C-alpha atoms as a PDB file:
ATOM      1  CA  MET A   1      -5.686 -22.532   9.102  1.00  0.00           C
ATOM      2  CA  TYR A   2      -7.377 -26.035   9.737  1.00  0.00           C
ATOM      3  CA  ALA A   3      -6.560 -26.806   5.921  1.00  0.00           C
ATOM      4  CA  ARG A   4      -3.062 -26.531   6.428  1.00  0.00           C
ATOM      5  CA  ILE A   5      -2.590 -28.324   9.891  1.00  0.00           C
ATOM      6  CA  PRO A   6      -1.153 -31.483   8.085  1.00  0.00           C
ATOM      7  CA  GLU A   7       1.292 -29.401   6.349  1.00  0.00           C
ATOM      8  CA  ILE A   8       1.906 -27.808   9.963  1.00  0.00           C
ATOM      9  CA  GLY A   9       2.482 -31.566  11.047  1.00  0.00           C
ATOM     10  CA  ILE A  10       5.011 -32.138   8.289  1.00  0.00           C
ATOM     11  CA  ARG A  11       7.015 -29.340   9.015  1.00  0.00           C
ATOM     12  CA  LYS A  12       7.488 -30.318  12.588  1.00  0.00           C
ATOM     13  CA  ALA A  13       8.135 -33.863  11.457  1.00  0.00           C
ATOM     14  CA  PHE A  14      11.079 -32.422   9.727  1.00  0.00           C
ATOM     15  CA  GLY A  15      12.283 -30.339  12.555  1.00  0.00           C
ATOM     16  CA  ALA A  16      10.597 -26.875  12.490  1.00  0.00           C
ATOM     17  CA  SER A  17      10.353 -25.276  15.691  1.00  0.00           C
ATOM     18  CA  LYS A  18       7.180 -23.081  17.024  1.00  0.00           C
ATOM     19  CA  THR A  19       9.070 -20.004  16.103  1.00  0.00           C
ATOM     20  CA  ASP A  20       9.653 -21.010  12.520  1.00  0.00           C
ATOM     21  CA  ILE A  21       5.724 -21.955  12.245  1.00  0.00           C
ATOM     22  CA  VAL A  22       4.667 -18.523  13.626  1.00  0.00           C
ATOM     23  CA  PHE A  23       7.411 -16.787  11.781  1.00  0.00           C
ATOM     24  CA  GLN A  24       5.775 -18.370   8.525  1.00  0.00           C
ATOM     25  CA  PHE A  25       2.407 -17.644   9.232  1.00  0.00           C
ATOM     26  CA  MET A  26       2.968 -14.192  10.187  1.00  0.00           C
ATOM     27  CA  PHE A  27       5.304 -13.487   7.117  1.00  0.00           C
ATOM     28  CA  GLU A  28       2.366 -14.687   4.973  1.00  0.00           C
ATOM     29  CA  MET A  29      -0.157 -12.476   6.411  1.00  0.00           C
ATOM     30  CA  VAL A  30       2.219  -9.571   6.027  1.00  0.00           C
ATOM     31  CA  VAL A  31       2.729 -10.059   2.380  1.00  0.00           C
ATOM     32  CA  ILE A  32      -1.062 -10.572   1.691  1.00  0.00           C
ATOM     33  CA  ALA A  33      -1.868  -7.396   3.494  1.00  0.00           C
ATOM     34  CA  PHE A  34       0.584  -5.422   1.978  1.00  0.00           C
ATOM     35  CA  ILE A  35      -0.463  -6.455  -1.316  1.00  0.00           C
ATOM     36  CA  VAL A  36      -4.188  -5.859  -0.429  1.00  0.00           C
ATOM     37  CA  SER A  37      -3.346  -2.567   0.891  1.00  0.00           C
ATOM     38  CA  ILE A  38      -1.733  -1.582  -2.319  1.00  0.00           C
ATOM     39  CA  PHE A  39      -4.637  -2.699  -4.284  1.00  0.00           C
ATOM     40  CA  ALA A  40      -6.788  -0.814  -1.908  1.00  0.00           C
ATOM     41  CA  VAL A  41      -4.962   2.533  -2.227  1.00  0.00           C
ATOM     42  CA  CYS A  42      -4.909   2.676  -5.845  1.00  0.00           C
ATOM     43  CA  SER A  43      -8.276   1.433  -6.284  1.00  0.00           C
ATOM     44  CA  SER A  44      -9.355   4.386  -3.739  1.00  0.00           C
ATOM     45  CA  TYR A  45      -7.540   6.878  -6.004  1.00  0.00           C
ATOM     46  CA  LEU A  46      -9.201   5.597  -9.145  1.00  0.00           C
ATOM     47  CA  CYS A  47     -12.509   5.845  -7.360  1.00  0.00           C
ATOM     48  CA  CYS A  48     -11.518   9.621  -6.396  1.00  0.00           C
ATOM     49  CA  LYS A  49     -10.573  10.515  -9.872  1.00  0.00           C
ATOM     50  CA  LEU A  50     -13.484   8.941 -11.650  1.00  0.00           C
ATOM     51  CA  ALA A  51     -15.672  11.017  -8.830  1.00  0.00           C
ATOM     52  CA  GLU A  52     -13.983  14.122  -9.534  1.00  0.00           C
ATOM     53  CA  GLU A  53     -14.395  13.921 -13.186  1.00  0.00           C
ATOM     54  CA  TYR A  54     -18.187  12.942 -12.814  1.00  0.00           C
ATOM     55  CA  LEU A  55     -18.797  16.174 -10.619  1.00  0.00           C
ATOM     56  CA  ALA A  56     -16.855  18.205 -13.255  1.00  0.00           C
ATOM     57  CA  ARG A  57     -18.717  17.045 -16.068  1.00  0.00           C
ATOM     58  CA  ASN A  58     -22.577  16.633 -14.659  1.00  0.00           C
ATOM     59  CA  LEU A  59     -22.573  18.930 -11.762  1.00  0.00           C
ATOM     60  CA  PHE A  60     -19.955  21.681 -12.770  1.00  0.00           C
ATOM     61  CA  LEU A  61     -18.246  21.329  -9.420  1.00  0.00           C
ATOM     62  CA  SER A  62     -14.555  21.377  -9.797  1.00  0.00           C
ATOM     63  CA  PHE A  63     -12.149  19.868  -7.272  1.00  0.00           C
ATOM     64  CA  LYS A  64      -8.971  18.441  -7.141  1.00  0.00           C
ATOM     65  CA  VAL A  65      -7.759  14.883  -5.586  1.00  0.00           C
ATOM     66  CA  GLN A  66      -4.453  15.989  -4.081  1.00  0.00           C
ATOM     67  CA  VAL A  67      -2.670  12.634  -2.216  1.00  0.00           C
ATOM     68  CA  SER A  68       0.330  13.206   0.279  1.00  0.00           C
ATOM     69  CA  ASN A  69       2.986  10.604   1.332  1.00  0.00           C
ATOM     70  CA  ALA A  70       1.173  10.066   4.612  1.00  0.00           C
ATOM     71  CA  GLN A  71      -2.208   9.501   3.179  1.00  0.00           C
ATOM     72  CA  LEU A  72      -0.097   6.701   0.739  1.00  0.00           C
ATOM     73  CA  ILE A  73       1.687   5.196   3.486  1.00  0.00           C
ATOM     74  CA  LEU A  74      -0.848   4.953   6.532  1.00  0.00           C
ATOM     75  CA  PRO A  75      -3.456   2.682   4.747  1.00  0.00           C
ATOM     76  CA  LEU A  76      -0.259   0.309   4.270  1.00  0.00           C
ATOM     77  CA  LEU A  77       0.729   0.641   7.779  1.00  0.00           C
ATOM     78  CA  VAL A  78      -2.682  -0.037   9.041  1.00  0.00           C
ATOM     79  CA  GLY A  79      -3.326  -2.856   6.550  1.00  0.00           C
ATOM     80  CA  VAL A  80      -0.239  -4.448   8.073  1.00  0.00           C
ATOM     81  CA  THR A  81      -0.828  -4.042  11.458  1.00  0.00           C
ATOM     82  CA  GLU A  82      -4.201  -5.571  11.603  1.00  0.00           C
ATOM     83  CA  ALA A  83      -2.913  -8.541   9.460  1.00  0.00           C
ATOM     84  CA  VAL A  84      -0.175  -9.104  12.193  1.00  0.00           C
ATOM     85  CA  THR A  85      -2.651  -8.607  15.139  1.00  0.00           C
ATOM     86  CA  CYS A  86      -5.316 -10.528  13.503  1.00  0.00           C
ATOM     87  CA  SER A  87      -2.866 -13.640  12.693  1.00  0.00           C
ATOM     88  CA  PHE A  88      -0.831 -13.869  15.719  1.00  0.00           C
ATOM     89  CA  ILE A  89      -3.213 -15.941  17.907  1.00  0.00           C
ATOM     90  CA  PRO A  90      -4.178 -18.360  15.095  1.00  0.00           C
ATOM     91  CA  SER A  91      -0.470 -18.929  14.127  1.00  0.00           C
ATOM     92  CA  LEU A  92       0.152 -19.557  17.765  1.00  0.00           C
ATOM     93  CA  TYR A  93      -2.392 -21.986  17.934  1.00  0.00           C
ATOM     94  CA  ALA A  94      -1.401 -23.571  14.783  1.00  0.00           C
ATOM     95  CA  ALA A  95       2.292 -23.822  16.198  1.00  0.00           C
ATOM     96  CA  SER A  96       0.988 -25.512  19.338  1.00  0.00           C
ATOM     97  CA  ILE A  97      -0.461 -28.560  17.291  1.00  0.00           C
ATOM     98  CA  LYS A  98       1.181 -31.713  18.178  1.00  0.00           C
ATOM     99  CA  VAL A  99       2.711 -33.641  15.166  1.00  0.00           C
ATOM    100  CA  THR A 100       0.445 -36.936  16.033  1.00  0.00           C
ATOM    101  CA  ASP A 101      -2.558 -34.657  15.935  1.00  0.00           C
ATOM    102  CA  SER A 102      -1.679 -32.971  12.932  1.00  0.00           C
ATOM    103  CA  LEU A 103      -0.586 -35.890  10.898  1.00  0.00           C
ATOM    104  CA  LYS A 104      -3.903 -37.784  11.587  1.00  0.00           C
ATOM    105  CA  PHE A 105      -5.875 -34.713  11.071  1.00  0.00           C
ATOM    106  CA  GLU A 106      -8.521 -34.960   8.304  1.00  0.00           C
END
């Protein structure tokens, strides 16, 4: 957040409101969290499939990985909710910085 303080000052100098800045940071966090959550779900599924093959081949255990829609959607919702929760206070802090302070920030 500190690296983007000059950017916030420039946006405020051009007339951006606190709501605009908070919305920008929240939107960015939601998009990043959604992409990361999709990657996490895909990699988890891949690990389960690899474990299934390993156990079937080496330990002669047989089980199937079954994935429901709820098991796919729940991690996405948790990831996005966590991102919104954890980025709300820093985005409020960033939006409350004065234009003069942010432009001379180094």
